[in-house]
Amino acid sequence: MSKLYNPERVTPRGWRDWYQLERWRKRARYQLRIEPFCRLCLARGIPVAATVCDHIEPHHGDWNKFWLGATQSLCASCHSSAKKQIETLGYAPGVGPDGWPLDPRHPVYQHERQTAHTDHSEGSGGSKNSR
């Protein structure tokens, strides 16, 4: 019996069945081999062994995004909590030793991004900081 997958075939679990394919298992093993530590834990300075191959951008059942989308290695804890917060909020929840958020997409940095965009859009000599 062939293990080839037909993306048009409808199953009760839908795209969740794709994770059971040998092709996915090989890809996941490879990802964990090239990036053995959880990316989110490492960003906080904590080396934790990764156990989950995660799609950085959710594929939402898109066959091409599932196979061609970028992946990262995460520990089970980050995959089930921090990753969900990132997808919901749009930024990672961690803070560094200085108390500031690690993720530059955090709302606390929103003003800096707007100011930088405004300064650049004024052209040369239009910025308050120009000499």
N, C-alpha and C. Protein backbone atom coordinates (compact mmCIF):
# COMPACT_ATOMS: atom_id res chain seq x y z
N MET A 1 0.84 -1.18 0.00
CA MET A 1 0.00 0.00 0.00
C MET A 1 0.89 1.25 0.00
N SER A 2 0.62 2.19 -0.87
CA SER A 2 1.42 3.40 -1.01
C SER A 2 1.18 4.37 0.13
N LYS A 3 2.25 5.03 0.57
CA LYS A 3 2.14 6.03 1.63
C LYS A 3 2.06 7.43 1.05
N LEU A 4 1.91 7.54 -0.28
CA LEU A 4 1.78 8.86 -0.89
C LEU A 4 0.49 9.50 -0.42
N TYR A 5 0.54 10.81 -0.27
CA TYR A 5 -0.63 11.53 0.25
C TYR A 5 -1.29 12.33 -0.85
N ASN A 6 -2.56 12.27 -0.90
CA ASN A 6 -3.34 13.06 -1.84
C ASN A 6 -3.97 14.20 -1.04
N PRO A 7 -3.53 15.47 -1.23
CA PRO A 7 -4.06 16.57 -0.45
C PRO A 7 -5.54 16.83 -0.69
N GLU A 8 -6.09 16.30 -1.77
CA GLU A 8 -7.51 16.48 -2.06
C GLU A 8 -8.39 15.53 -1.24
N ARG A 9 -7.78 14.46 -0.74
CA ARG A 9 -8.53 13.47 0.02
C ARG A 9 -8.98 14.08 1.36
N VAL A 10 -10.24 13.95 1.68
CA VAL A 10 -10.77 14.48 2.93
C VAL A 10 -10.75 13.38 3.98
N THR A 11 -10.21 13.70 5.13
CA THR A 11 -10.18 12.76 6.25
C THR A 11 -10.81 13.45 7.45
N PRO A 12 -11.19 12.67 8.46
CA PRO A 12 -11.80 13.29 9.64
C PRO A 12 -10.89 14.32 10.32
N ARG A 13 -9.59 14.08 10.29
CA ARG A 13 -8.67 15.01 10.94
C ARG A 13 -8.10 16.04 9.97
N GLY A 14 -8.38 15.93 8.71
CA GLY A 14 -7.90 16.89 7.73
C GLY A 14 -6.39 17.00 7.70
N TRP A 15 -5.89 18.24 7.69
CA TRP A 15 -4.44 18.47 7.58
C TRP A 15 -3.65 17.94 8.77
N ARG A 16 -4.28 17.67 9.88
CA ARG A 16 -3.55 17.12 11.03
C ARG A 16 -2.95 15.74 10.71
N ASP A 17 -3.56 15.05 9.75
CA ASP A 17 -3.02 13.76 9.31
C ASP A 17 -1.66 13.92 8.63
N TRP A 18 -1.38 15.10 8.10
CA TRP A 18 -0.11 15.31 7.40
C TRP A 18 1.08 15.09 8.33
N TYR A 19 0.89 15.35 9.62
CA TYR A 19 1.98 15.17 10.59
C TYR A 19 2.33 13.70 10.80
N GLN A 20 1.49 12.80 10.35
CA GLN A 20 1.75 11.37 10.49
C GLN A 20 2.50 10.80 9.29
N LEU A 21 2.66 11.59 8.25
CA LEU A 21 3.36 11.12 7.06
C LEU A 21 4.85 10.96 7.33
N GLU A 22 5.44 9.93 6.73
CA GLU A 22 6.87 9.70 6.90
C GLU A 22 7.68 10.88 6.38
N ARG A 23 7.21 11.50 5.33
CA ARG A 23 7.89 12.67 4.77
C ARG A 23 8.00 13.77 5.83
N TRP A 24 6.92 14.03 6.58
CA TRP A 24 6.95 15.04 7.63
C TRP A 24 7.89 14.61 8.76
N ARG A 25 7.82 13.35 9.13
CA ARG A 25 8.66 12.86 10.23
C ARG A 25 10.14 13.03 9.90
N LYS A 26 10.51 12.78 8.64
CA LYS A 26 11.90 12.98 8.22
C LYS A 26 12.28 14.46 8.30
N ARG A 27 11.38 15.31 7.84
CA ARG A 27 11.65 16.74 7.89
C ARG A 27 11.80 17.21 9.33
N ALA A 28 10.94 16.73 10.21
CA ALA A 28 11.00 17.13 11.62
C ALA A 28 12.30 16.65 12.27
N ARG A 29 12.68 15.41 11.98
CA ARG A 29 13.94 14.89 12.54
C ARG A 29 15.13 15.72 12.06
N TYR A 30 15.11 16.08 10.79
CA TYR A 30 16.18 16.89 10.24
C TYR A 30 16.23 18.26 10.93
N GLN A 31 15.09 18.88 11.10
CA GLN A 31 15.03 20.19 11.75
C GLN A 31 15.59 20.12 13.17
N LEU A 32 15.21 19.11 13.91
CA LEU A 32 15.68 18.96 15.29
C LEU A 32 17.18 18.64 15.34
N ARG A 33 17.68 18.02 14.28
CA ARG A 33 19.10 17.71 14.22
C ARG A 33 19.93 18.98 13.94
N ILE A 34 19.45 19.84 13.04
CA ILE A 34 20.22 21.05 12.72
C ILE A 34 20.02 22.16 13.74
N GLU A 35 18.93 22.12 14.49
CA GLU A 35 18.66 23.12 15.53
C GLU A 35 18.18 22.37 16.78
N PRO A 36 19.11 21.82 17.56
CA PRO A 36 18.72 20.94 18.67
C PRO A 36 18.14 21.64 19.89
N PHE A 37 18.29 22.96 19.98
CA PHE A 37 17.75 23.68 21.14
C PHE A 37 16.54 24.51 20.77
N CYS A 38 15.65 24.67 21.73
CA CYS A 38 14.43 25.48 21.54
C CYS A 38 14.83 26.92 21.22
N ARG A 39 14.35 27.41 20.11
CA ARG A 39 14.70 28.75 19.66
C ARG A 39 14.21 29.82 20.64
N LEU A 40 13.02 29.66 21.18
CA LEU A 40 12.47 30.67 22.09
C LEU A 40 13.18 30.65 23.43
N CYS A 41 13.51 29.49 23.95
CA CYS A 41 14.25 29.40 25.22
C CYS A 41 15.65 29.97 25.05
N LEU A 42 16.28 29.67 23.91
CA LEU A 42 17.63 30.18 23.67
C LEU A 42 17.64 31.70 23.61
N ALA A 43 16.58 32.30 23.07
CA ALA A 43 16.49 33.76 23.01
C ALA A 43 16.47 34.37 24.42
N ARG A 44 16.01 33.58 25.40
CA ARG A 44 15.99 34.03 26.80
C ARG A 44 17.27 33.60 27.53
N GLY A 45 18.19 32.96 26.81
CA GLY A 45 19.45 32.54 27.39
C GLY A 45 19.38 31.22 28.13
N ILE A 46 18.35 30.42 27.86
CA ILE A 46 18.17 29.14 28.53
C ILE A 46 18.25 28.03 27.49
N PRO A 47 19.32 27.21 27.52
CA PRO A 47 19.42 26.13 26.54
C PRO A 47 18.54 24.93 26.95
N VAL A 48 17.45 24.75 26.22
CA VAL A 48 16.52 23.64 26.47
C VAL A 48 16.43 22.81 25.20
N ALA A 49 16.49 21.50 25.35
CA ALA A 49 16.41 20.61 24.18
C ALA A 49 15.06 20.78 23.49
N ALA A 50 15.10 20.89 22.18
CA ALA A 50 13.88 21.00 21.38
C ALA A 50 13.31 19.62 21.11
N THR A 51 11.99 19.53 21.08
CA THR A 51 11.31 18.27 20.80
C THR A 51 10.26 18.40 19.70
N VAL A 52 9.99 19.63 19.25
CA VAL A 52 8.92 19.88 18.28
C VAL A 52 9.46 20.68 17.11
N CYS A 53 9.15 20.21 15.91
CA CYS A 53 9.44 20.96 14.69
C CYS A 53 8.19 21.79 14.40
N ASP A 54 8.33 23.10 14.42
CA ASP A 54 7.19 24.01 14.33
C ASP A 54 7.27 24.86 13.07
N HIS A 55 6.13 25.09 12.43
CA HIS A 55 6.06 26.01 11.30
C HIS A 55 6.10 27.43 11.87
N ILE A 56 7.05 28.22 11.42
CA ILE A 56 7.17 29.59 11.91
C ILE A 56 5.92 30.38 11.57
N GLU A 57 5.50 30.30 10.33
CA GLU A 57 4.25 30.93 9.90
C GLU A 57 3.20 29.83 9.81
N PRO A 58 2.07 29.98 10.49
CA PRO A 58 1.04 28.94 10.43
C PRO A 58 0.61 28.64 8.99
N HIS A 59 0.46 27.37 8.68
CA HIS A 59 0.11 26.98 7.30
C HIS A 59 -1.40 26.96 7.07
N HIS A 60 -2.20 26.89 8.11
CA HIS A 60 -3.67 26.89 8.02
C HIS A 60 -4.20 25.90 6.98
N GLY A 61 -3.56 24.73 6.90
CA GLY A 61 -4.04 23.70 6.00
C GLY A 61 -3.61 23.87 4.55
N ASP A 62 -2.76 24.82 4.27
CA ASP A 62 -2.25 25.02 2.91
C ASP A 62 -1.12 24.01 2.66
N TRP A 63 -1.34 23.12 1.71
CA TRP A 63 -0.40 22.04 1.42
C TRP A 63 0.99 22.57 1.09
N ASN A 64 1.08 23.61 0.27
CA ASN A 64 2.39 24.15 -0.10
C ASN A 64 3.10 24.81 1.09
N LYS A 65 2.35 25.57 1.90
CA LYS A 65 2.97 26.19 3.08
C LYS A 65 3.41 25.13 4.08
N PHE A 66 2.66 24.04 4.15
CA PHE A 66 3.02 22.97 5.08
C PHE A 66 4.39 22.40 4.72
N TRP A 67 4.62 22.15 3.43
CA TRP A 67 5.88 21.52 3.01
C TRP A 67 7.00 22.51 2.75
N LEU A 68 6.68 23.70 2.30
CA LEU A 68 7.71 24.64 1.88
C LEU A 68 7.98 25.75 2.90
N GLY A 69 7.10 25.91 3.88
CA GLY A 69 7.26 26.96 4.87
C GLY A 69 8.44 26.71 5.80
N ALA A 70 9.02 27.78 6.30
CA ALA A 70 10.16 27.70 7.22
C ALA A 70 9.73 27.07 8.54
N THR A 71 10.63 26.31 9.14
CA THR A 71 10.36 25.68 10.43
C THR A 71 11.40 26.10 11.45
N GLN A 72 11.08 25.85 12.71
CA GLN A 72 11.99 26.12 13.82
C GLN A 72 11.83 25.01 14.84
N SER A 73 12.83 24.87 15.68
CA SER A 73 12.79 23.86 16.74
C SER A 73 12.33 24.53 18.03
N LEU A 74 11.37 23.89 18.71
CA LEU A 74 10.85 24.39 19.98
C LEU A 74 10.76 23.26 20.98
N CYS A 75 10.77 23.60 22.26
CA CYS A 75 10.46 22.60 23.28
C CYS A 75 8.93 22.51 23.35
N ALA A 76 8.42 21.45 23.93
CA ALA A 76 6.97 21.24 23.98
C ALA A 76 6.27 22.38 24.73
N SER A 77 6.90 22.87 25.79
CA SER A 77 6.31 23.94 26.58
C SER A 77 6.13 25.22 25.76
N CYS A 78 7.17 25.63 25.06
CA CYS A 78 7.07 26.83 24.22
C CYS A 78 6.08 26.64 23.09
N HIS A 79 6.06 25.46 22.50
CA HIS A 79 5.15 25.21 21.39
C HIS A 79 3.70 25.32 21.83
N SER A 80 3.40 24.86 23.03
CA SER A 80 2.01 24.87 23.47
C SER A 80 1.60 26.16 24.17
N SER A 81 2.56 27.01 24.56
CA SER A 81 2.17 28.25 25.25
C SER A 81 2.71 29.49 24.55
N ALA A 82 4.02 29.68 24.54
CA ALA A 82 4.60 30.90 23.98
C ALA A 82 4.25 31.06 22.50
N LYS A 83 4.33 29.98 21.74
CA LYS A 83 4.02 30.05 20.30
C LYS A 83 2.57 30.47 20.08
N LYS A 84 1.67 29.96 20.91
CA LYS A 84 0.25 30.34 20.79
C LYS A 84 0.08 31.83 21.07
N GLN A 85 0.82 32.34 22.07
CA GLN A 85 0.74 33.77 22.37
C GLN A 85 1.28 34.61 21.21
N ILE A 86 2.36 34.15 20.60
CA ILE A 86 2.93 34.88 19.46
C ILE A 86 1.90 34.95 18.33
N GLU A 87 1.24 33.83 18.05
CA GLU A 87 0.25 33.81 16.98
C GLU A 87 -0.96 34.67 17.32
N THR A 88 -1.33 34.72 18.60
CA THR A 88 -2.49 35.51 19.02
C THR A 88 -2.16 37.00 19.14
N LEU A 89 -1.06 37.31 19.83
CA LEU A 89 -0.70 38.70 20.11
C LEU A 89 0.12 39.37 19.01
N GLY A 90 0.91 38.56 18.29
CA GLY A 90 1.76 39.11 17.26
C GLY A 90 3.18 39.38 17.73
N TYR A 91 3.50 39.00 18.96
CA TYR A 91 4.85 39.17 19.49
C TYR A 91 5.09 38.14 20.58
N ALA A 92 6.38 37.88 20.86
CA ALA A 92 6.76 36.91 21.90
C ALA A 92 6.63 37.56 23.27
N PRO A 93 6.23 36.77 24.27
CA PRO A 93 5.98 37.32 25.60
C PRO A 93 7.19 37.53 26.49
N GLY A 94 8.38 37.06 26.13
CA GLY A 94 9.54 37.08 27.03
C GLY A 94 10.14 38.46 27.26
N VAL A 95 10.78 38.61 28.41
CA VAL A 95 11.53 39.82 28.73
C VAL A 95 12.97 39.44 29.06
N GLY A 96 13.88 40.35 28.79
CA GLY A 96 15.30 40.12 29.06
C GLY A 96 15.66 40.46 30.49
N PRO A 97 16.93 40.27 30.84
CA PRO A 97 17.39 40.56 32.20
C PRO A 97 17.21 42.03 32.59
N ASP A 98 17.14 42.91 31.58
CA ASP A 98 16.96 44.33 31.86
C ASP A 98 15.49 44.71 32.08
N GLY A 99 14.59 43.71 31.93
CA GLY A 99 13.17 43.97 32.14
C GLY A 99 12.42 44.42 30.89
N TRP A 100 13.12 44.61 29.79
CA TRP A 100 12.48 45.02 28.54
C TRP A 100 12.13 43.80 27.70
N PRO A 101 11.03 43.88 26.93
CA PRO A 101 10.64 42.76 26.07
C PRO A 101 11.75 42.44 25.07
N LEU A 102 11.93 41.14 24.80
CA LEU A 102 12.94 40.68 23.86
C LEU A 102 12.51 40.86 22.41
N ASP A 103 11.22 40.76 22.16
CA ASP A 103 10.71 40.79 20.79
C ASP A 103 10.54 42.23 20.33
N PRO A 104 11.22 42.62 19.25
CA PRO A 104 11.09 44.00 18.75
C PRO A 104 9.69 44.33 18.24
N ARG A 105 8.84 43.31 18.08
CA ARG A 105 7.46 43.56 17.64
C ARG A 105 6.54 43.90 18.82
N HIS A 106 7.06 43.87 20.05
CA HIS A 106 6.26 44.16 21.24
C HIS A 106 5.73 45.60 21.16
N PRO A 107 4.51 45.86 21.63
CA PRO A 107 3.93 47.20 21.56
C PRO A 107 4.75 48.30 22.23
N VAL A 108 5.56 47.95 23.22
CA VAL A 108 6.36 48.97 23.90
C VAL A 108 7.33 49.65 22.92
N TYR A 109 7.68 48.95 21.84
CA TYR A 109 8.59 49.50 20.84
C TYR A 109 7.85 50.18 19.69
N GLN A 110 6.54 50.21 19.74
CA GLN A 110 5.74 50.78 18.66
C GLN A 110 6.11 52.24 18.40
N HIS A 111 6.28 53.03 19.45
CA HIS A 111 6.61 54.45 19.30
C HIS A 111 7.94 54.63 18.57
N GLU A 112 8.92 53.81 18.91
CA GLU A 112 10.23 53.89 18.26
C GLU A 112 10.11 53.61 16.77
N ARG A 113 9.30 52.62 16.41
CA ARG A 113 9.14 52.29 14.99
C ARG A 113 8.45 53.43 14.27
N GLN A 114 7.44 54.04 14.88
CA GLN A 114 6.73 55.14 14.24
C GLN A 114 7.63 56.35 14.09
N THR A 115 8.41 56.65 15.11
CA THR A 115 9.32 57.78 15.07
C THR A 115 10.38 57.57 13.99
N ALA A 116 10.95 56.39 13.92
CA ALA A 116 11.95 56.09 12.90
C ALA A 116 11.35 56.23 11.50
N HIS A 117 10.12 55.75 11.34
CA HIS A 117 9.47 55.85 10.03
C HIS A 117 9.22 57.31 9.68
N THR A 118 8.78 58.12 10.62
CA THR A 118 8.51 59.53 10.39
C THR A 118 9.80 60.27 10.05
N ASP A 119 10.88 60.00 10.81
CA ASP A 119 12.15 60.66 10.55
C ASP A 119 12.67 60.34 9.15
N HIS A 120 12.54 59.10 8.72
CA HIS A 120 13.03 58.71 7.40
C HIS A 120 12.16 59.27 6.29
N SER A 121 10.87 59.43 6.55
CA SER A 121 9.97 59.89 5.49
C SER A 121 10.07 61.38 5.29
N GLU A 122 10.70 62.15 6.20
CA GLU A 122 10.82 63.58 6.04
C GLU A 122 11.92 63.97 5.08
N GLY A 123 12.74 63.01 4.71
CA GLY A 123 13.82 63.27 3.76
C GLY A 123 15.03 63.86 4.44
N SER A 124 16.05 64.16 3.66
CA SER A 124 17.29 64.66 4.25
C SER A 124 17.12 66.09 4.72
N GLY A 125 17.63 66.34 5.90
CA GLY A 125 17.56 67.68 6.49
C GLY A 125 16.25 67.98 7.18
N GLY A 126 15.25 67.14 7.04
CA GLY A 126 13.95 67.41 7.64
C GLY A 126 13.84 66.90 9.06
N SER A 127 14.77 66.11 9.50
CA SER A 127 14.72 65.54 10.84
C SER A 127 15.20 66.52 11.88
N LYS A 128 14.63 66.43 13.10
CA LYS A 128 15.06 67.28 14.19
C LYS A 128 16.52 67.04 14.52
N ASN A 129 17.02 65.84 14.24
CA ASN A 129 18.37 65.46 14.61
C ASN A 129 19.42 65.85 13.58
N SER A 130 19.02 66.42 12.47
CA SER A 130 20.02 66.73 11.44
C SER A 130 20.81 67.96 11.84
N ARG A 131 22.05 68.01 11.39
CA ARG A 131 22.94 69.13 11.77
C ARG A 131 23.23 70.01 10.61
